Protein backbone atom coordinates (compact mmCIF):
# COMPACT_ATOMS: atom_id res chain seq x y z
CA UNK A 1 -5.14 -9.50 -76.34
CA UNK A 2 -2.75 -6.76 -77.54
CA UNK A 3 -1.63 -3.96 -75.43
CA UNK A 4 -3.25 -1.31 -77.59
CA UNK A 5 -6.66 -3.13 -77.19
CA UNK A 6 -6.33 -3.34 -73.40
CA UNK A 7 -5.56 0.42 -73.13
CA UNK A 8 -8.64 1.14 -75.41
CA UNK A 9 -10.66 -0.85 -72.80
CA UNK A 10 -9.35 0.88 -70.16
CA UNK A 11 -10.38 4.28 -71.78
CA UNK A 12 -6.95 5.21 -73.06
CA UNK A 13 -6.24 5.78 -76.41
CA UNK A 14 -3.54 4.78 -78.56
CA UNK A 15 -0.36 6.75 -77.45
CA UNK A 16 -1.86 8.15 -74.39
CA UNK A 17 0.21 7.84 -71.08
CA UNK A 18 -0.98 5.29 -68.45
CA UNK A 19 -2.68 6.87 -65.44
CA UNK A 20 -0.76 8.05 -62.69
CA UNK A 21 -1.30 8.94 -59.10
CA UNK A 22 -1.27 12.66 -58.63
CA UNK A 23 2.10 14.07 -57.00
CA UNK A 24 1.36 16.19 -54.25
CA UNK A 25 3.05 16.71 -50.76
CA UNK A 26 1.78 14.73 -48.08
CA UNK A 27 0.55 16.33 -44.77
CA UNK A 28 2.74 15.77 -41.86
CA UNK A 29 2.09 14.78 -38.07
CA UNK A 30 1.68 18.11 -36.01
CA UNK A 31 0.98 16.89 -32.89
CA UNK A 32 0.21 13.89 -30.73
CA UNK A 33 -2.00 14.23 -27.35
CA UNK A 34 -3.03 11.39 -24.85
CA UNK A 35 -5.82 11.53 -22.28
CA UNK A 36 -6.34 9.56 -19.38
CA UNK A 37 -10.20 9.17 -19.01
CA UNK A 38 -12.61 7.31 -16.88
CA UNK A 39 -13.00 4.30 -16.04
CA UNK A 40 -9.54 3.21 -17.03
CA UNK A 41 -8.93 4.36 -20.80
CA UNK A 42 -5.95 6.17 -22.45
CA UNK A 43 -6.99 7.92 -25.74
CA UNK A 44 -4.48 9.27 -28.33
CA UNK A 45 -5.20 12.04 -30.97
CA UNK A 46 -3.15 12.78 -33.74
CA UNK A 47 -3.56 15.87 -35.75
CA UNK A 48 -1.77 16.89 -39.11
CA UNK A 49 -0.42 19.82 -40.65
CA UNK A 50 -3.56 20.16 -42.64
CA UNK A 51 -5.64 20.29 -39.40
CA UNK A 52 -7.21 16.53 -40.08
CA UNK A 53 -7.09 14.21 -37.25
CA UNK A 54 -7.63 10.61 -35.82
CA UNK A 55 -8.31 8.98 -32.53
CA UNK A 56 -6.31 5.82 -31.12
CA UNK A 57 -6.51 3.92 -27.78
CA UNK A 58 -3.32 2.58 -25.91
CA UNK A 59 -5.07 1.47 -22.88
CA UNK A 60 -3.06 -0.83 -20.62
CA UNK A 61 -5.13 -1.44 -17.54
CA UNK A 62 -3.15 -0.24 -14.29
CA UNK A 63 -0.20 0.86 -16.48
CA UNK A 64 -1.20 3.81 -18.04
CA UNK A 65 1.47 6.20 -16.59
CA UNK A 66 4.25 3.80 -18.11
CA UNK A 67 2.33 3.95 -21.49
CA UNK A 68 2.56 7.52 -21.29
CA UNK A 69 6.25 7.79 -20.72
CA UNK A 70 6.54 5.50 -23.96
CA UNK A 71 4.14 7.76 -25.88
CA UNK A 72 6.36 10.75 -24.84
CA UNK A 73 9.45 9.12 -26.41
CA UNK A 74 7.56 7.88 -29.31
CA UNK A 75 6.02 11.39 -30.18
CA UNK A 76 9.37 13.01 -30.22
CA UNK A 77 10.17 10.75 -33.07
CA UNK A 78 7.22 10.70 -35.38
CA UNK A 79 6.14 14.54 -35.22
CA UNK A 80 7.27 15.72 -38.51
CA UNK A 81 6.72 12.60 -40.48
CA UNK A 82 4.27 11.98 -43.14
CA UNK A 83 1.16 10.81 -41.57
CA UNK A 84 -0.18 8.73 -44.59
CA UNK A 85 3.00 6.32 -44.23
CA UNK A 86 1.54 4.29 -41.29
CA UNK A 87 3.77 1.09 -41.98
CA UNK A 88 6.87 3.32 -42.00
CA UNK A 89 5.87 4.87 -38.87
CA UNK A 90 5.28 1.23 -37.23
CA UNK A 91 8.51 0.06 -38.42
CA UNK A 92 10.52 3.26 -37.39
CA UNK A 93 8.94 2.68 -33.82
CA UNK A 94 9.59 -0.94 -33.83
CA UNK A 95 12.92 -1.60 -35.31
CA UNK A 96 14.84 1.55 -34.61
CA UNK A 97 14.32 1.43 -30.56
CA UNK A 98 16.60 -1.62 -30.34
CA UNK A 99 14.57 -2.70 -27.19
CA UNK A 100 11.00 -3.49 -28.03
CA UNK A 101 7.85 -5.46 -27.48
CA UNK A 102 6.14 -5.74 -24.15
CA UNK A 103 2.74 -4.57 -22.88
CA UNK A 104 3.79 -0.85 -22.26
CA UNK A 105 5.87 -0.65 -25.44
CA UNK A 106 3.08 -2.13 -27.78
CA UNK A 107 0.49 -0.19 -25.98
CA UNK A 108 2.02 3.08 -26.86
CA UNK A 109 2.40 1.94 -30.34
CA UNK A 110 -1.02 0.72 -30.66
CA UNK A 111 -2.42 3.94 -30.01
CA UNK A 112 -0.50 5.72 -32.47
CA UNK A 113 -1.03 3.23 -35.14
CA UNK A 114 -4.78 3.24 -34.46
CA UNK A 115 -5.03 6.90 -34.52
CA UNK A 116 -3.08 7.02 -38.07
CA UNK A 117 -5.45 4.69 -39.46
CA UNK A 118 -8.67 6.67 -38.48
CA UNK A 119 -6.80 9.81 -39.75
CA UNK A 120 -6.10 8.24 -43.07
CA UNK A 121 -9.60 6.84 -43.42
CA UNK A 122 -11.29 10.38 -42.67
CA UNK A 123 -8.91 11.88 -45.09
CA UNK A 124 -9.92 9.53 -47.64
CA UNK A 125 -13.67 9.66 -46.88
CA UNK A 126 -13.70 5.96 -46.22
CA UNK A 127 -14.19 3.39 -43.45
CA UNK A 128 -11.03 1.69 -42.50
CA UNK A 129 -12.37 -1.63 -43.49
CA UNK A 130 -12.28 -0.24 -47.19
CA UNK A 131 -8.47 0.16 -46.82
CA UNK A 132 -7.99 -3.21 -45.52
CA UNK A 133 -9.40 -4.96 -48.55
CA UNK A 134 -13.31 -4.58 -47.67
CA UNK A 135 -15.66 -6.38 -45.88
CA UNK A 136 -16.16 -10.13 -45.57
CA UNK A 137 -19.18 -9.91 -43.25
CA UNK A 138 -21.76 -7.24 -42.68
CA UNK A 139 -22.09 -7.38 -38.96
CA UNK A 140 -19.85 -8.64 -36.06
CA UNK A 141 -21.10 -11.14 -33.28
CA UNK A 142 -20.35 -9.81 -29.70
CA UNK A 143 -20.07 -10.67 -26.05
CA UNK A 144 -19.41 -9.17 -22.94
CA UNK A 145 -18.46 -10.09 -19.30
CA UNK A 146 -21.09 -10.85 -16.56
CA UNK A 147 -19.37 -10.50 -12.88
CA UNK A 148 -20.72 -12.09 -9.81
CA UNK A 149 -19.57 -15.10 -7.75
CA UNK A 150 -22.94 -16.30 -5.99
CA UNK A 151 -25.23 -18.29 -8.35
CA UNK A 152 -27.86 -15.52 -7.82
CA UNK A 153 -25.43 -12.85 -8.89
CA UNK A 154 -24.48 -14.83 -12.13
CA UNK A 155 -28.19 -15.39 -12.98
CA UNK A 156 -29.32 -11.70 -12.68
CA UNK A 157 -26.16 -10.67 -14.66
CA UNK A 158 -26.60 -13.07 -17.50
CA UNK A 159 -30.47 -11.99 -17.65
CA UNK A 160 -29.46 -8.28 -17.80
CA UNK A 161 -27.11 -9.28 -21.05
CA UNK A 162 -29.91 -11.35 -22.41
CA UNK A 163 -32.17 -7.91 -22.22
CA UNK A 164 -29.23 -6.12 -23.75
CA UNK A 165 -29.43 -8.43 -26.91
CA UNK A 166 -26.25 -10.61 -26.33
CA UNK A 167 -26.65 -14.39 -27.09
CA UNK A 168 -23.14 -15.05 -25.91
CA UNK A 169 -21.37 -13.99 -22.48
CA UNK A 170 -17.86 -14.41 -20.90
CA UNK A 171 -17.73 -15.17 -17.01
CA UNK A 172 -15.19 -15.59 -14.43
CA UNK A 173 -14.41 -19.45 -14.06
CA UNK A 174 -13.15 -19.40 -10.55
CA UNK A 175 -12.43 -17.45 -7.61
CA UNK A 176 -8.79 -17.66 -6.50
CA UNK A 177 -6.92 -21.07 -7.24
CA UNK A 178 -3.79 -22.68 -6.04
CA UNK A 179 -1.59 -25.41 -7.40
CA UNK A 180 -3.82 -27.89 -6.25
CA UNK A 181 -6.94 -26.94 -4.53
CA UNK A 182 -10.05 -28.35 -3.36
CA UNK A 183 -12.60 -30.33 -5.49
CA UNK A 184 -14.99 -27.94 -4.75
CA UNK A 185 -13.43 -25.35 -7.23
CA UNK A 186 -14.15 -28.05 -9.93
CA UNK A 187 -17.86 -28.31 -9.03
CA UNK A 188 -18.45 -24.54 -8.66
CA UNK A 189 -16.85 -23.88 -12.10
CA UNK A 190 -19.26 -26.47 -13.71
CA UNK A 191 -22.20 -24.82 -11.75
CA UNK A 192 -21.40 -21.45 -13.12
CA UNK A 193 -21.62 -22.63 -16.44
CA UNK A 194 -24.81 -24.60 -15.99
CA UNK A 195 -26.48 -21.52 -14.66
CA UNK A 196 -25.82 -19.49 -17.78
CA UNK A 197 -26.37 -22.44 -20.23
CA UNK A 198 -29.86 -22.84 -18.59
CA UNK A 199 -30.70 -19.37 -19.56
CA UNK A 200 -30.18 -20.17 -23.39
CA UNK A 201 -26.54 -18.29 -23.50
CA UNK A 202 -23.46 -19.75 -24.77
CA UNK A 203 -20.42 -18.72 -22.30
CA UNK A 204 -16.64 -18.39 -22.38
CA UNK A 205 -14.95 -19.20 -19.20
CA UNK A 206 -12.14 -16.87 -18.32
CA UNK A 207 -9.17 -18.20 -15.80
CA UNK A 208 -7.09 -15.33 -16.11
CA UNK A 209 -4.10 -17.62 -15.96
CA UNK A 210 -5.00 -18.44 -12.24
CA UNK A 211 -4.86 -22.09 -12.78
CA UNK A 212 -1.57 -24.29 -12.52
CA UNK A 213 -1.35 -27.45 -14.51
CA UNK A 214 -2.94 -30.03 -12.06
CA UNK A 215 -6.03 -28.20 -11.68
CA UNK A 216 -6.25 -27.09 -15.36
CA UNK A 217 -6.08 -30.82 -16.38
CA UNK A 218 -9.26 -31.65 -13.98
CA UNK A 219 -11.16 -28.60 -14.92
CA UNK A 220 -10.86 -28.99 -18.72
CA UNK A 221 -12.31 -32.43 -18.06
CA UNK A 222 -14.95 -31.57 -15.81
CA UNK A 223 -16.37 -29.03 -18.37
CA UNK A 224 -16.32 -30.97 -21.36
CA UNK A 225 -19.89 -32.51 -21.22
CA UNK A 226 -21.13 -28.80 -20.74
CA UNK A 227 -19.58 -27.33 -23.93
CA UNK A 228 -18.49 -24.00 -23.16
CA UNK A 229 -17.42 -21.55 -26.06
CA UNK A 230 -13.73 -21.59 -24.84
CA UNK A 231 -11.64 -21.59 -21.69
CA UNK A 232 -9.48 -18.42 -21.81
CA UNK A 233 -5.96 -18.32 -20.24
CA UNK A 234 -6.42 -21.61 -18.26
CA UNK A 235 -2.66 -21.13 -18.02
CA UNK A 236 -0.46 -18.22 -17.83
CA UNK A 237 1.13 -17.61 -21.43
CA UNK A 238 4.63 -17.83 -19.78
CA UNK A 239 4.00 -21.64 -20.00
CA UNK A 240 3.65 -22.56 -23.72
CA UNK A 241 4.92 -26.33 -22.98
CA UNK A 242 2.03 -26.60 -20.43
CA UNK A 243 -0.49 -25.37 -23.13
CA UNK A 244 0.87 -28.07 -25.46
CA UNK A 245 0.27 -30.47 -22.99
CA UNK A 246 -3.26 -29.31 -22.04
CA UNK A 247 -4.30 -29.04 -25.65
CA UNK A 248 -3.68 -32.71 -26.09
CA UNK A 249 -5.96 -33.67 -23.20
CA UNK A 250 -9.28 -31.80 -23.71
CA UNK A 251 -11.69 -31.30 -26.47
CA UNK A 252 -12.91 -27.93 -25.03
CA UNK A 253 -11.41 -24.98 -27.29
CA UNK A 254 -8.45 -23.24 -25.58
CA UNK A 255 -8.39 -19.43 -26.06
CA UNK A 256 -5.69 -16.94 -25.03
CA UNK A 257 -3.97 -13.83 -26.46
CA UNK A 258 -4.56 -10.69 -24.39
CA UNK A 259 -0.98 -10.88 -23.15
CA UNK A 260 0.56 -11.81 -26.55
CA UNK A 261 1.53 -8.56 -28.11
CA UNK A 262 3.09 -9.33 -31.50
CA UNK A 263 3.02 -12.02 -33.95
CA UNK A 264 6.42 -13.34 -32.75
CA UNK A 265 4.71 -13.93 -29.37
CA UNK A 266 1.87 -15.77 -31.18
CA UNK A 267 4.02 -17.90 -33.37
CA UNK A 268 5.13 -20.75 -30.68
CA UNK A 269 1.54 -21.29 -29.79
CA UNK A 270 0.32 -21.69 -33.41
CA UNK A 271 3.16 -23.76 -34.15
CA UNK A 272 2.60 -26.01 -31.20
CA UNK A 273 -1.27 -26.32 -32.01
CA UNK A 274 -1.77 -25.29 -28.35
CA UNK A 275 -4.39 -22.69 -29.09
CA UNK A 276 -7.70 -22.82 -30.96
CA UNK A 277 -8.74 -19.20 -30.60
CA UNK A 278 -6.37 -16.43 -30.42
CA UNK A 279 -7.47 -13.14 -28.52
CA UNK A 280 -5.38 -10.27 -29.62
CA UNK A 281 -5.98 -6.99 -27.84
CA UNK A 282 -5.78 -4.15 -30.29
CA UNK A 283 -4.90 -1.62 -27.70
CA UNK A 284 -1.95 -3.77 -26.62
CA UNK A 285 -0.78 -5.74 -29.74
CA UNK A 286 0.43 -2.99 -32.04
CA UNK A 287 -2.98 -1.63 -33.04
CA UNK A 288 -4.70 -2.19 -36.45
CA UNK A 289 -1.52 -3.25 -38.06
CA UNK A 290 -0.17 -5.96 -36.00
CA UNK A 291 -3.50 -7.00 -35.11
CA UNK A 292 -4.55 -7.65 -38.73
CA UNK A 293 -1.20 -9.30 -39.28
CA UNK A 294 -1.48 -11.78 -36.40
CA UNK A 295 -5.23 -12.75 -37.81
CA UNK A 296 -3.63 -13.40 -41.06
CA UNK A 297 -0.83 -15.43 -39.57
CA UNK A 298 -3.51 -17.47 -37.46
CA UNK A 299 -5.44 -18.03 -40.69
CA UNK A 300 -2.85 -20.31 -41.85
CA UNK A 301 -2.83 -22.65 -38.87
CA UNK A 302 -6.87 -22.97 -38.92
CA UNK A 303 -6.97 -20.81 -35.54
CA UNK A 304 -9.90 -18.21 -35.04
CA UNK A 305 -9.65 -14.58 -33.93
CA UNK A 306 -11.89 -13.33 -31.07
CA UNK A 307 -10.25 -10.00 -30.28
CA UNK A 308 -9.87 -9.18 -26.67
CA UNK A 309 -11.54 -5.96 -25.91
CA UNK A 310 -12.82 -4.88 -22.25
CA UNK A 311 -11.82 -1.26 -22.95
CA UNK A 312 -13.04 1.89 -24.62
CA UNK A 313 -15.06 2.64 -27.71
CA UNK A 314 -11.98 3.56 -29.86
CA UNK A 315 -10.54 0.11 -29.28
CA UNK A 316 -13.88 -1.42 -29.70
CA UNK A 317 -14.35 0.56 -33.10
CA UNK A 318 -10.86 -0.49 -34.23
CA UNK A 319 -11.34 -4.34 -33.48
CA UNK A 320 -14.35 -4.09 -35.50
CA UNK A 321 -12.76 -2.64 -38.43
CA UNK A 322 -10.48 -5.79 -38.31
CA UNK A 323 -13.32 -8.15 -37.64
CA UNK A 324 -15.10 -6.98 -40.74
CA UNK A 325 -12.14 -7.87 -42.88
CA UNK A 326 -11.07 -11.19 -41.40
CA UNK A 327 -12.17 -14.64 -42.51
CA UNK A 328 -11.25 -16.60 -39.54
CA UNK A 329 -12.82 -13.90 -36.92
CA UNK A 330 -15.54 -15.49 -34.87
CA UNK A 331 -16.76 -13.29 -31.89
CA UNK A 332 -15.91 -9.92 -30.70
CA UNK A 333 -15.50 -8.99 -26.86
CA UNK A 334 -17.19 -5.49 -26.20
CA UNK A 335 -17.14 -3.54 -22.60
CA UNK A 336 -20.73 -3.19 -22.03
CA UNK A 337 -22.02 -1.52 -18.76
CA UNK A 338 -24.96 -2.89 -16.78
CA UNK A 339 -26.05 0.58 -16.19
CA UNK A 340 -25.38 4.19 -17.97
CA UNK A 341 -25.57 7.46 -15.87
CA UNK A 342 -22.73 9.81 -16.98
CA UNK A 343 -24.02 12.17 -14.18
CA UNK A 344 -23.56 9.56 -11.74
CA UNK A 345 -19.93 9.17 -13.15
CA UNK A 346 -20.54 5.56 -14.29
CA UNK A 347 -18.51 6.11 -17.77
CA UNK A 348 -18.92 3.52 -20.54
CA UNK A 349 -18.55 3.20 -23.96
CA UNK A 350 -21.37 5.92 -24.76
CA UNK A 351 -19.81 8.55 -22.75
CA UNK A 352 -17.39 9.72 -25.12
CA UNK A 353 -19.20 9.11 -28.48
CA UNK A 354 -21.47 11.28 -30.49
CA UNK A 355 -23.64 8.73 -31.97
CA UNK A 356 -24.61 6.26 -29.34
CA UNK A 357 -26.42 4.13 -31.59
CA UNK A 358 -23.25 3.03 -33.39
CA UNK A 359 -22.64 0.05 -31.20
CA UNK A 360 -26.29 -1.10 -30.68
CA UNK A 361 -26.91 -4.87 -30.43
CA UNK A 362 -29.51 -6.70 -32.40
CA UNK A 363 -29.85 -10.59 -31.89
CA UNK A 364 -26.07 -10.65 -30.67
CA UNK A 365 -24.64 -8.57 -33.48
CA UNK A 366 -23.36 -5.12 -33.99
CA UNK A 367 -23.85 -3.72 -37.69
CA UNK A 368 -20.78 -2.69 -39.68
CA UNK A 369 -20.17 1.08 -39.05
CA UNK A 370 -20.91 3.31 -42.19
CA UNK A 371 -18.86 6.45 -40.89
CA UNK A 372 -15.46 7.17 -42.09
CA UNK A 373 -12.13 5.99 -40.35
CA UNK A 374 -13.23 4.33 -37.27
CA UNK A 375 -16.70 4.80 -37.92
CA UNK A 376 -17.18 6.84 -34.56
CA UNK A 377 -17.37 10.61 -33.63
CA UNK A 378 -15.35 11.16 -30.38
CA UNK A 379 -16.99 13.86 -28.29
CA UNK A 380 -13.65 15.73 -27.79
CA UNK A 381 -14.95 18.43 -25.11
CA UNK A 382 -15.99 15.47 -22.70
CA UNK A 383 -12.78 13.75 -23.23
CA UNK A 384 -10.89 16.89 -22.49
CA UNK A 385 -12.95 17.57 -19.32
CA UNK A 386 -13.01 14.16 -17.88
CA UNK A 387 -9.30 13.58 -18.42
CA UNK A 388 -8.20 16.74 -16.17
CA UNK A 389 -9.06 15.08 -13.09
CA UNK A 390 -8.52 11.45 -13.64
CA UNK A 391 -6.45 9.64 -11.48
CA UNK A 392 -4.37 6.52 -12.68
CA UNK A 393 -6.33 3.37 -12.28
CA UNK A 394 -4.61 0.47 -10.20
CA UNK A 395 -4.75 -3.14 -10.83
CA UNK A 396 -6.65 -4.76 -8.29
CA UNK A 397 -4.99 -7.22 -5.52
CA UNK A 398 -5.83 -10.71 -4.73
CA UNK A 399 -4.60 -12.68 -1.83
CA UNK A 400 -5.31 -16.39 -0.91
CA UNK A 401 -6.40 -17.27 2.74
CA UNK A 402 -2.69 -17.67 3.54
CA UNK A 403 -1.68 -14.12 2.47
CA UNK A 404 -0.12 -15.35 -0.84
CA UNK A 405 -0.59 -13.18 -3.96
CA UNK A 406 -3.07 -14.95 -6.25
CA UNK A 407 -3.46 -13.85 -10.06
CA UNK A 408 -5.69 -11.09 -11.12
């Protein structure tokens, strides 16, 4: 078809100029604030020179003070930059600091990145998923953690999740485990899974890297007949060669990724075909920008994405924006309290958001949010009030019967 005919079809008369984007100065970052809030979350707010704002989350459990220090350095570098240029700011922080990567640095970058995406969506009047290419699904399957070690505790916690509308849960697979522990550990893990499966729930088993290779091989074999959704962090991510060996010994899907902070961290496990489900945490893994890149890279290896997120409402909302646009997404973790009572100091997802229905669960799914940006409205008055007297949350400590330190 002739060029003149194409222009005519596009509403342009012969001789008219092609349409161009309006040239106007872009608003600059005016301020970046952060707020440590209960129970253990770190929120970030970015405001531009036109008064528009966005919220992010850079929670790193037990290390918020370190993240705050990293944010202080980053803030000095980005105030005055054009807020619209998210990728430039991401690359500036990543490449021009020389020392980069790791949980503290990436969590701070995550808080900034998420806030910039929220700000951009708000200014344009669209959800972030519209800026990421649009939805590939209209709702997101979710699961939440259950605690408890005794069978009665596990059963009651699982029933509470069913009452909240969940179809899937994640649970602690074992108590502390040594290099070569008693066979009773194997039996106890199987029993945990049988309890929740008996209630009609699907379950992922989280090992928190507590296992060592001899126990991991035995447990993976013992669990196969009971079909867990996945075994999460059966080994520490510092041992990629062990993951490769384990993956060739079991049919149970292997999941990990909360302690992988960039696409480069994930690359070895994808190339080794040693992981079936990647679990990047959007508050640790460079925000929306890097989490989306990790998901796209995983798709090329036929690896699913199940974002890790036992965190606050901002991290969950950001994860959902990515999940809605990701073909290889399977399920989303969410931090869901058993009970909610702000007056009693039981802060949860609903404490800090205005519309508490945005995360309502129906038949195991949360609907795509319709609001602009992240799709949630943060109650800033509550954030500022609670952040005034919030002490830094400390990591839990676990010790074996011999007094040696065990994995969290």
